[in-house]
Amino acid sequence: MGELVFVGLGLHSEKSMTLQGVEEAKTADAVFAEFYTSLMPELDLSKLDKLTEKRVTVVSRRDLEDDCGKKILKAAEKGKAVLLVPGDPLIATTHVDLCIRAKKQGVKTRVVHGASVISAVMGLSGLHNYKFGRSVTVPFTDGNVVADTSYNVIEENKKRGLHTLCFLDLKADEKRYMTVNEGLQALLKVEQQKRKEMVTSNTMAVGIAQAGSHSPVVKADKVKALLKYDFGPPPHTIVFPGKLHFMEAEALIVLAGAPDSIRELVE
């Protein structure tokens, strides 16, 4: 049996991939890539082909989820297959599922890690990694979908004094990527129903855009101010701080332009 290697592409462009990841792709019999779990704004598929010296086959959500990755597994049974994924491999559950399926079929698997938005957000904001609680995705509020799960997670973390990392929904096939503004608006709608004062216009939050690029945008302020702030193009992320260490407060002021009133969260 062959092997399946999961390679992280990093955050922004094909240049974000590690040297090890490039070498794995160059020595593969087949190289696949998916771009529906996250947005890489500057990735150029033709440049990715040139970098890896392979014709990269792009697979869809249907290929990986509905068809259970059969196309990739078939290639892995015959030789060495590489799956290129945005960010860090196995963060997305769909990749974990494929890894499990490969193992059960006797296919050897390996992982080449890449930069993740999780560590990037912590680094850009200056918030301590060990003070983050459970992360959550804020969904598009189309139809009957509401962001109450996201709201509940923020509440749980705040009660423990922990920060909440909110991933923002995306629909790659429709080229729809939720913005900080849309995410905050969705949570404010839940606030109107629950009225627990977890996400109000005066709640402090941090918006981050284009993590991994040469010019990431990081802004900390009250929700009402962030709603008016121009974060530029996606991808966007939101963090709701819990209790702050004095160094975290200082970092948000210096690195994210937070108002001095954020020191009120220091404990």
C-alpha atoms as a PDB file:
ATOM      1  CA  MET A   1       0.000   0.000   0.000  1.00  0.00           C
ATOM      2  CA  GLY A   2       1.071   3.586  -0.568  1.00  0.00           C
ATOM      3  CA  GLU A   3       0.738   6.619   1.652  1.00  0.00           C
ATOM      4  CA  LEU A   4      -1.241   9.803   2.049  1.00  0.00           C
ATOM      5  CA  VAL A   5       0.583  12.923   3.227  1.00  0.00           C
ATOM      6  CA  PHE A   6      -1.414  15.889   4.519  1.00  0.00           C
ATOM      7  CA  VAL A   7       0.496  19.111   3.854  1.00  0.00           C
ATOM      8  CA  GLY A   8      -0.435  22.486   5.322  1.00  0.00           C
ATOM      9  CA  LEU A   9      -0.352  25.398   2.888  1.00  0.00           C
ATOM     10  CA  GLY A  10      -0.227  28.045   5.596  1.00  0.00           C
ATOM     11  CA  LEU A  11      -2.278  31.212   5.585  1.00  0.00           C
ATOM     12  CA  HIS A  12      -1.945  33.509   2.613  1.00  0.00           C
ATOM     13  CA  SER A  13      -0.291  32.252  -0.574  1.00  0.00           C
ATOM     14  CA  GLU A  14       1.611  29.285  -2.001  1.00  0.00           C
ATOM     15  CA  LYS A  15       4.746  30.875  -0.500  1.00  0.00           C
ATOM     16  CA  SER A  16       3.389  30.059   2.968  1.00  0.00           C
ATOM     17  CA  MET A  17       4.048  26.333   2.514  1.00  0.00           C
ATOM     18  CA  THR A  18       7.082  24.946   4.340  1.00  0.00           C
ATOM     19  CA  LEU A  19      10.124  23.622   2.481  1.00  0.00           C
ATOM     20  CA  GLN A  20       9.288  20.162   3.772  1.00  0.00           C
ATOM     21  CA  GLY A  21       5.795  20.487   2.340  1.00  0.00           C
ATOM     22  CA  VAL A  22       7.197  21.470  -1.054  1.00  0.00           C
ATOM     23  CA  GLU A  23       9.537  18.478  -1.052  1.00  0.00           C
ATOM     24  CA  GLU A  24       6.695  16.106  -0.157  1.00  0.00           C
ATOM     25  CA  ALA A  25       4.661  17.383  -3.101  1.00  0.00           C
ATOM     26  CA  LYS A  26       7.596  17.150  -5.510  1.00  0.00           C
ATOM     27  CA  THR A  27       8.138  13.484  -4.658  1.00  0.00           C
ATOM     28  CA  ALA A  28       4.459  12.529  -4.813  1.00  0.00           C
ATOM     29  CA  ASP A  29       2.783  10.466  -7.521  1.00  0.00           C
ATOM     30  CA  ALA A  30      -0.380  12.561  -7.234  1.00  0.00           C
ATOM     31  CA  VAL A  31      -1.035  15.938  -5.620  1.00  0.00           C
ATOM     32  CA  PHE A  32      -4.476  17.198  -4.611  1.00  0.00           C
ATOM     33  CA  ALA A  33      -5.599  20.441  -2.978  1.00  0.00           C
ATOM     34  CA  GLU A  34      -8.789  21.744  -1.431  1.00  0.00           C
ATOM     35  CA  PHE A  35      -9.663  25.394  -0.912  1.00  0.00           C
ATOM     36  CA  TYR A  36     -13.148  25.272   0.586  1.00  0.00           C
ATOM     37  CA  THR A  37     -12.229  25.017   4.285  1.00  0.00           C
ATOM     38  CA  SER A  38     -10.447  28.381   4.313  1.00  0.00           C
ATOM     39  CA  LEU A  39      -9.577  31.310   2.080  1.00  0.00           C
ATOM     40  CA  MET A  40      -6.002  31.892   0.877  1.00  0.00           C
ATOM     41  CA  PRO A  41      -6.327  35.302  -0.833  1.00  0.00           C
ATOM     42  CA  GLU A  42      -3.069  35.344  -2.779  1.00  0.00           C
ATOM     43  CA  LEU A  43      -2.744  31.689  -3.706  1.00  0.00           C
ATOM     44  CA  ASP A  44      -2.156  31.196  -7.433  1.00  0.00           C
ATOM     45  CA  LEU A  45      -2.816  27.662  -8.653  1.00  0.00           C
ATOM     46  CA  SER A  46      -0.440  27.992 -11.628  1.00  0.00           C
ATOM     47  CA  LYS A  47       2.329  29.120  -9.275  1.00  0.00           C
ATOM     48  CA  LEU A  48       1.498  26.231  -6.964  1.00  0.00           C
ATOM     49  CA  ASP A  49       1.918  23.842  -9.907  1.00  0.00           C
ATOM     50  CA  LYS A  50       5.278  25.381 -10.700  1.00  0.00           C
ATOM     51  CA  LEU A  51       6.425  25.316  -7.073  1.00  0.00           C
ATOM     52  CA  THR A  52       5.538  21.666  -6.576  1.00  0.00           C
ATOM     53  CA  GLU A  53       6.510  20.619 -10.117  1.00  0.00           C
ATOM     54  CA  LYS A  54       3.208  18.785 -10.302  1.00  0.00           C
ATOM     55  CA  ARG A  55      -0.215  19.331 -11.829  1.00  0.00           C
ATOM     56  CA  VAL A  56      -2.269  19.926  -8.690  1.00  0.00           C
ATOM     57  CA  THR A  57      -5.797  18.510  -8.839  1.00  0.00           C
ATOM     58  CA  VAL A  58      -8.305  20.651  -6.937  1.00  0.00           C
ATOM     59  CA  VAL A  59     -10.950  18.648  -5.082  1.00  0.00           C
ATOM     60  CA  SER A  60     -14.287  19.996  -3.881  1.00  0.00           C
ATOM     61  CA  ARG A  61     -16.313  19.597  -0.705  1.00  0.00           C
ATOM     62  CA  ARG A  62     -18.360  16.981  -2.551  1.00  0.00           C
ATOM     63  CA  ASP A  63     -15.200  15.009  -3.396  1.00  0.00           C
ATOM     64  CA  LEU A  64     -14.020  14.961   0.208  1.00  0.00           C
ATOM     65  CA  GLU A  65     -17.266  14.743   2.144  1.00  0.00           C
ATOM     66  CA  ASP A  66     -20.021  13.305  -0.055  1.00  0.00           C
ATOM     67  CA  ASP A  67     -17.673  10.996  -1.949  1.00  0.00           C
ATOM     68  CA  CYS A  68     -15.560  10.268   1.157  1.00  0.00           C
ATOM     69  CA  GLY A  69     -12.313  11.232  -0.567  1.00  0.00           C
ATOM     70  CA  LYS A  70     -12.372   8.114  -2.779  1.00  0.00           C
ATOM     71  CA  LYS A  71     -10.383   9.846  -5.535  1.00  0.00           C
ATOM     72  CA  ILE A  72      -7.558  10.657  -3.119  1.00  0.00           C
ATOM     73  CA  LEU A  73      -7.618   7.285  -1.367  1.00  0.00           C
ATOM     74  CA  LYS A  74      -7.460   5.461  -4.694  1.00  0.00           C
ATOM     75  CA  ALA A  75      -4.312   7.399  -5.607  1.00  0.00           C
ATOM     76  CA  ALA A  76      -2.838   6.733  -2.156  1.00  0.00           C
ATOM     77  CA  GLU A  77      -3.378   2.990  -2.538  1.00  0.00           C
ATOM     78  CA  LYS A  78      -1.275   3.000  -5.705  1.00  0.00           C
ATOM     79  CA  GLY A  79       1.578   5.211  -4.529  1.00  0.00           C
ATOM     80  CA  LYS A  80       2.282   8.441  -2.679  1.00  0.00           C
ATOM     81  CA  ALA A  81      -0.535  10.980  -2.652  1.00  0.00           C
ATOM     82  CA  VAL A  82      -0.338  14.456  -1.134  1.00  0.00           C
ATOM     83  CA  LEU A  83      -3.322  16.535  -0.066  1.00  0.00           C
ATOM     84  CA  LEU A  84      -2.589  20.260   0.248  1.00  0.00           C
ATOM     85  CA  VAL A  85      -4.904  22.049   2.676  1.00  0.00           C
ATOM     86  CA  PRO A  86      -5.107  25.668   3.859  1.00  0.00           C
ATOM     87  CA  GLY A  87      -3.609  26.365   7.264  1.00  0.00           C
ATOM     88  CA  ASP A  88      -2.577  23.408   9.402  1.00  0.00           C
ATOM     89  CA  PRO A  89      -3.735  19.880   8.429  1.00  0.00           C
ATOM     90  CA  LEU A  90      -6.272  18.018  10.581  1.00  0.00           C
ATOM     91  CA  ILE A  91      -7.632  21.199  12.161  1.00  0.00           C
ATOM     92  CA  ALA A  92     -10.687  20.719   9.930  1.00  0.00           C
ATOM     93  CA  THR A  93     -12.726  17.625  10.851  1.00  0.00           C
ATOM     94  CA  THR A  94     -13.133  16.666   7.185  1.00  0.00           C
ATOM     95  CA  HIS A  95      -9.373  16.036   7.002  1.00  0.00           C
ATOM     96  CA  VAL A  96      -9.446  13.980  10.189  1.00  0.00           C
ATOM     97  CA  ASP A  97     -12.195  11.845   8.671  1.00  0.00           C
ATOM     98  CA  LEU A  98     -10.098  11.246   5.548  1.00  0.00           C
ATOM     99  CA  CYS A  99      -7.087  10.347   7.685  1.00  0.00           C
ATOM    100  CA  ILE A 100      -9.150   7.782   9.587  1.00  0.00           C
ATOM    101  CA  ARG A 101     -10.489   6.281   6.355  1.00  0.00           C
ATOM    102  CA  ALA A 102      -6.961   5.983   4.976  1.00  0.00           C
ATOM    103  CA  LYS A 103      -5.712   4.253   8.121  1.00  0.00           C
ATOM    104  CA  LYS A 104      -8.592   1.775   8.036  1.00  0.00           C
ATOM    105  CA  GLN A 105      -7.732   0.918   4.430  1.00  0.00           C
ATOM    106  CA  GLY A 106      -4.136   0.221   5.395  1.00  0.00           C
ATOM    107  CA  VAL A 107      -2.761   3.406   3.844  1.00  0.00           C
ATOM    108  CA  LYS A 108       0.131   4.991   5.698  1.00  0.00           C
ATOM    109  CA  THR A 109      -0.494   8.636   6.667  1.00  0.00           C
ATOM    110  CA  ARG A 110       1.780  11.496   7.649  1.00  0.00           C
ATOM    111  CA  VAL A 111       1.286  15.195   8.408  1.00  0.00           C
ATOM    112  CA  VAL A 112       3.422  18.189   7.454  1.00  0.00           C
ATOM    113  CA  HIS A 113       2.193  21.065   9.558  1.00  0.00           C
ATOM    114  CA  GLY A 114       1.661  24.606   8.330  1.00  0.00           C
ATOM    115  CA  ALA A 115       0.927  27.978   9.886  1.00  0.00           C
ATOM    116  CA  SER A 116      -2.525  28.140  11.467  1.00  0.00           C
ATOM    117  CA  VAL A 117      -4.860  31.084  11.937  1.00  0.00           C
ATOM    118  CA  ILE A 118      -5.172  29.964  15.555  1.00  0.00           C
ATOM    119  CA  SER A 119      -1.547  30.704  16.415  1.00  0.00           C
ATOM    120  CA  ALA A 120      -1.493  33.701  14.045  1.00  0.00           C
ATOM    121  CA  VAL A 121      -4.388  35.377  15.845  1.00  0.00           C
ATOM    122  CA  MET A 122      -2.699  34.891  19.192  1.00  0.00           C
ATOM    123  CA  GLY A 123       0.582  36.244  17.896  1.00  0.00           C
ATOM    124  CA  LEU A 124      -0.917  39.261  16.133  1.00  0.00           C
ATOM    125  CA  SER A 125      -3.091  40.271  19.086  1.00  0.00           C
ATOM    126  CA  GLY A 126      -0.619  39.538  21.871  1.00  0.00           C
ATOM    127  CA  LEU A 127      -3.203  37.489  23.758  1.00  0.00           C
ATOM    128  CA  HIS A 128      -1.744  34.560  25.702  1.00  0.00           C
ATOM    129  CA  ASN A 129      -2.407  31.201  24.084  1.00  0.00           C
ATOM    130  CA  TYR A 130      -3.102  29.410  27.373  1.00  0.00           C
ATOM    131  CA  LYS A 131      -5.966  31.786  28.188  1.00  0.00           C
ATOM    132  CA  PHE A 132      -8.162  30.797  25.258  1.00  0.00           C
ATOM    133  CA  GLY A 133     -11.205  28.640  25.855  1.00  0.00           C
ATOM    134  CA  ARG A 134     -13.258  26.701  23.349  1.00  0.00           C
ATOM    135  CA  SER A 135     -13.290  28.206  19.843  1.00  0.00           C
ATOM    136  CA  VAL A 136     -16.430  28.424  17.715  1.00  0.00           C
ATOM    137  CA  THR A 137     -17.661  29.329  14.238  1.00  0.00           C
ATOM    138  CA  VAL A 138     -20.163  32.140  13.691  1.00  0.00           C
ATOM    139  CA  PRO A 139     -22.491  30.921  10.911  1.00  0.00           C
ATOM    140  CA  PHE A 140     -24.203  32.880   8.197  1.00  0.00           C
ATOM    141  CA  THR A 141     -27.700  33.613   9.477  1.00  0.00           C
ATOM    142  CA  ASP A 142     -29.450  32.522   6.290  1.00  0.00           C
ATOM    143  CA  GLY A 143     -32.970  31.184   6.707  1.00  0.00           C
ATOM    144  CA  ASN A 144     -33.536  29.707  10.174  1.00  0.00           C
ATOM    145  CA  VAL A 145     -29.846  29.503  11.110  1.00  0.00           C
ATOM    146  CA  VAL A 146     -28.912  31.589  14.157  1.00  0.00           C
ATOM    147  CA  ALA A 147     -25.642  32.176  15.949  1.00  0.00           C
ATOM    148  CA  ASP A 148     -26.871  31.069  19.369  1.00  0.00           C
ATOM    149  CA  THR A 149     -24.225  28.315  19.705  1.00  0.00           C
ATOM    150  CA  SER A 150     -21.507  30.895  19.106  1.00  0.00           C
ATOM    151  CA  TYR A 151     -23.093  33.177  21.677  1.00  0.00           C
ATOM    152  CA  ASN A 152     -23.308  30.354  24.216  1.00  0.00           C
ATOM    153  CA  VAL A 153     -19.630  29.484  23.799  1.00  0.00           C
ATOM    154  CA  ILE A 154     -18.658  33.122  24.333  1.00  0.00           C
ATOM    155  CA  GLU A 155     -20.758  33.110  27.501  1.00  0.00           C
ATOM    156  CA  GLU A 156     -19.159  29.881  28.785  1.00  0.00           C
ATOM    157  CA  ASN A 157     -15.661  31.187  28.192  1.00  0.00           C
ATOM    158  CA  LYS A 158     -16.352  34.603  29.722  1.00  0.00           C
ATOM    159  CA  LYS A 159     -17.633  32.979  32.908  1.00  0.00           C
ATOM    160  CA  ARG A 160     -14.231  31.316  33.190  1.00  0.00           C
ATOM    161  CA  GLY A 161     -12.354  34.489  32.288  1.00  0.00           C
ATOM    162  CA  LEU A 162     -11.167  32.962  29.000  1.00  0.00           C
ATOM    163  CA  HIS A 163     -10.840  34.430  25.499  1.00  0.00           C
ATOM    164  CA  THR A 164     -13.017  33.165  22.634  1.00  0.00           C
ATOM    165  CA  LEU A 165     -11.674  32.732  19.112  1.00  0.00           C
ATOM    166  CA  CYS A 166     -14.515  33.014  16.596  1.00  0.00           C
ATOM    167  CA  PHE A 167     -13.963  31.609  13.136  1.00  0.00           C
ATOM    168  CA  LEU A 168     -16.242  33.255  10.589  1.00  0.00           C
ATOM    169  CA  ASP A 169     -18.356  31.236   8.187  1.00  0.00           C
ATOM    170  CA  LEU A 170     -17.516  30.862   4.519  1.00  0.00           C
ATOM    171  CA  LYS A 171     -19.177  29.386   1.452  1.00  0.00           C
ATOM    172  CA  ALA A 172     -16.332  28.996  -1.008  1.00  0.00           C
ATOM    173  CA  ASP A 173     -18.529  27.777  -3.863  1.00  0.00           C
ATOM    174  CA  GLU A 174     -20.514  31.039  -3.611  1.00  0.00           C
ATOM    175  CA  LYS A 175     -17.398  33.120  -2.872  1.00  0.00           C
ATOM    176  CA  ARG A 176     -19.011  34.324   0.335  1.00  0.00           C
ATOM    177  CA  TYR A 177     -16.722  34.999   3.270  1.00  0.00           C
ATOM    178  CA  MET A 178     -18.164  36.421   6.473  1.00  0.00           C
ATOM    179  CA  THR A 179     -16.713  39.733   7.623  1.00  0.00           C
ATOM    180  CA  VAL A 180     -16.125  41.026  11.147  1.00  0.00           C
ATOM    181  CA  ASN A 181     -19.126  43.316  10.682  1.00  0.00           C
ATOM    182  CA  GLU A 182     -21.422  40.447   9.659  1.00  0.00           C
ATOM    183  CA  GLY A 183     -20.198  38.249  12.509  1.00  0.00           C
ATOM    184  CA  LEU A 184     -20.819  40.958  15.093  1.00  0.00           C
ATOM    185  CA  GLN A 185     -24.255  41.724  13.651  1.00  0.00           C
ATOM    186  CA  ALA A 186     -25.216  38.044  13.888  1.00  0.00           C
ATOM    187  CA  LEU A 187     -24.164  37.886  17.536  1.00  0.00           C
ATOM    188  CA  LEU A 188     -25.942  41.143  18.369  1.00  0.00           C
ATOM    189  CA  LYS A 189     -29.184  39.596  17.058  1.00  0.00           C
ATOM    190  CA  VAL A 190     -28.782  36.740  19.531  1.00  0.00           C
ATOM    191  CA  GLU A 191     -28.072  39.284  22.277  1.00  0.00           C
ATOM    192  CA  GLN A 192     -31.433  40.911  21.556  1.00  0.00           C
ATOM    193  CA  GLN A 193     -33.088  37.574  22.294  1.00  0.00           C
ATOM    194  CA  LYS A 194     -31.027  36.361  25.256  1.00  0.00           C
ATOM    195  CA  ARG A 195     -30.168  39.713  26.869  1.00  0.00           C
ATOM    196  CA  LYS A 196     -27.282  38.317  28.924  1.00  0.00           C
ATOM    197  CA  GLU A 197     -24.934  41.162  27.939  1.00  0.00           C
ATOM    198  CA  MET A 198     -22.339  38.849  26.418  1.00  0.00           C
ATOM    199  CA  VAL A 199     -22.129  40.696  23.090  1.00  0.00           C
ATOM    200  CA  THR A 200     -23.433  44.260  23.296  1.00  0.00           C
ATOM    201  CA  SER A 201     -22.420  47.445  21.519  1.00  0.00           C
ATOM    202  CA  ASN A 202     -20.084  48.158  24.479  1.00  0.00           C
ATOM    203  CA  THR A 203     -18.447  44.717  24.534  1.00  0.00           C
ATOM    204  CA  MET A 204     -14.727  44.723  23.833  1.00  0.00           C
ATOM    205  CA  ALA A 205     -13.627  42.605  20.868  1.00  0.00           C
ATOM    206  CA  VAL A 206     -10.700  42.170  18.498  1.00  0.00           C
ATOM    207  CA  GLY A 207     -11.068  41.969  14.725  1.00  0.00           C
ATOM    208  CA  ILE A 208      -8.270  40.455  12.634  1.00  0.00           C
ATOM    209  CA  ALA A 209      -8.040  40.348   8.843  1.00  0.00           C
ATOM    210  CA  GLN A 210      -5.565  38.942   6.304  1.00  0.00           C
ATOM    211  CA  ALA A 211      -3.527  37.044   8.886  1.00  0.00           C
ATOM    212  CA  GLY A 212      -0.362  35.734   7.261  1.00  0.00           C
ATOM    213  CA  SER A 213      -0.146  38.573   4.739  1.00  0.00           C
ATOM    214  CA  HIS A 214       2.437  41.358   4.637  1.00  0.00           C
ATOM    215  CA  SER A 215      -0.159  43.799   6.014  1.00  0.00           C
ATOM    216  CA  PRO A 216      -2.508  42.096   8.473  1.00  0.00           C
ATOM    217  CA  VAL A 217      -5.194  44.250  10.071  1.00  0.00           C
ATOM    218  CA  VAL A 218      -5.626  44.033  13.840  1.00  0.00           C
ATOM    219  CA  LYS A 219      -8.074  46.277  15.688  1.00  0.00           C
ATOM    220  CA  ALA A 220      -9.373  46.063  19.257  1.00  0.00           C
ATOM    221  CA  ASP A 221     -12.261  48.226  20.404  1.00  0.00           C
ATOM    222  CA  LYS A 222     -15.866  48.155  21.514  1.00  0.00           C
ATOM    223  CA  VAL A 223     -18.267  46.393  19.166  1.00  0.00           C
ATOM    224  CA  LYS A 224     -19.957  49.642  18.162  1.00  0.00           C
ATOM    225  CA  ALA A 225     -16.610  51.009  16.969  1.00  0.00           C
ATOM    226  CA  LEU A 226     -15.593  47.804  15.174  1.00  0.00           C
ATOM    227  CA  LEU A 227     -18.863  47.848  13.234  1.00  0.00           C
ATOM    228  CA  LYS A 228     -17.659  51.063  11.593  1.00  0.00           C
ATOM    229  CA  TYR A 229     -14.064  49.945  11.049  1.00  0.00           C
ATOM    230  CA  ASP A 230     -12.815  48.981   7.596  1.00  0.00           C
ATOM    231  CA  PHE A 231     -10.984  45.656   7.897  1.00  0.00           C
ATOM    232  CA  GLY A 232     -10.511  45.310   4.157  1.00  0.00           C
ATOM    233  CA  PRO A 233     -10.932  42.022   2.283  1.00  0.00           C
ATOM    234  CA  PRO A 234     -11.318  38.624   3.996  1.00  0.00           C
ATOM    235  CA  PRO A 235     -10.459  36.320   5.620  1.00  0.00           C
ATOM    236  CA  HIS A 236     -11.613  37.843   8.917  1.00  0.00           C
ATOM    237  CA  THR A 237     -11.589  36.540  12.493  1.00  0.00           C
ATOM    238  CA  ILE A 238     -13.002  37.833  15.790  1.00  0.00           C
ATOM    239  CA  VAL A 239     -11.741  37.382  19.344  1.00  0.00           C
ATOM    240  CA  PHE A 240     -13.745  38.211  22.458  1.00  0.00           C
ATOM    241  CA  PRO A 241     -11.280  38.740  25.325  1.00  0.00           C
ATOM    242  CA  GLY A 242     -11.957  37.382  28.778  1.00  0.00           C
ATOM    243  CA  LYS A 243      -9.986  38.549  31.790  1.00  0.00           C
ATOM    244  CA  LEU A 244      -6.663  40.066  30.739  1.00  0.00           C
ATOM    245  CA  HIS A 245      -3.147  39.845  32.090  1.00  0.00           C
ATOM    246  CA  PHE A 246      -1.664  43.352  32.277  1.00  0.00           C
ATOM    247  CA  MET A 247       0.729  42.450  29.443  1.00  0.00           C
ATOM    248  CA  GLU A 248      -2.192  41.347  27.250  1.00  0.00           C
ATOM    249  CA  ALA A 249      -3.910  44.685  27.811  1.00  0.00           C
ATOM    250  CA  GLU A 250      -0.720  46.523  26.925  1.00  0.00           C
ATOM    251  CA  ALA A 251      -0.300  44.387  23.798  1.00  0.00           C
ATOM    252  CA  LEU A 252      -3.838  45.155  22.617  1.00  0.00           C
ATOM    253  CA  ILE A 253      -3.254  48.871  23.127  1.00  0.00           C
ATOM    254  CA  VAL A 254       0.092  48.880  21.298  1.00  0.00           C
ATOM    255  CA  LEU A 255      -0.520  46.197  18.659  1.00  0.00           C
ATOM    256  CA  ALA A 256      -4.248  46.590  18.058  1.00  0.00           C
ATOM    257  CA  GLY A 257      -4.946  50.249  18.870  1.00  0.00           C
ATOM    258  CA  ALA A 258      -7.246  49.368  21.758  1.00  0.00           C
ATOM    259  CA  PRO A 259      -8.569  52.213  23.935  1.00  0.00           C
ATOM    260  CA  ASP A 260      -7.089  52.578  27.437  1.00  0.00           C
ATOM    261  CA  SER A 261     -10.430  51.450  28.853  1.00  0.00           C
ATOM    262  CA  ILE A 262      -9.469  47.897  27.944  1.00  0.00           C
ATOM    263  CA  ARG A 263      -7.386  47.890  31.120  1.00  0.00           C
ATOM    264  CA  GLU A 264     -10.706  47.427  32.937  1.00  0.00           C
ATOM    265  CA  LEU A 265     -10.540  43.771  31.869  1.00  0.00           C
ATOM    266  CA  VAL A 266      -7.238  43.239  33.673  1.00  0.00           C
ATOM    267  CA  GLU A 267      -7.473  40.886  36.624  1.00  0.00           C
END
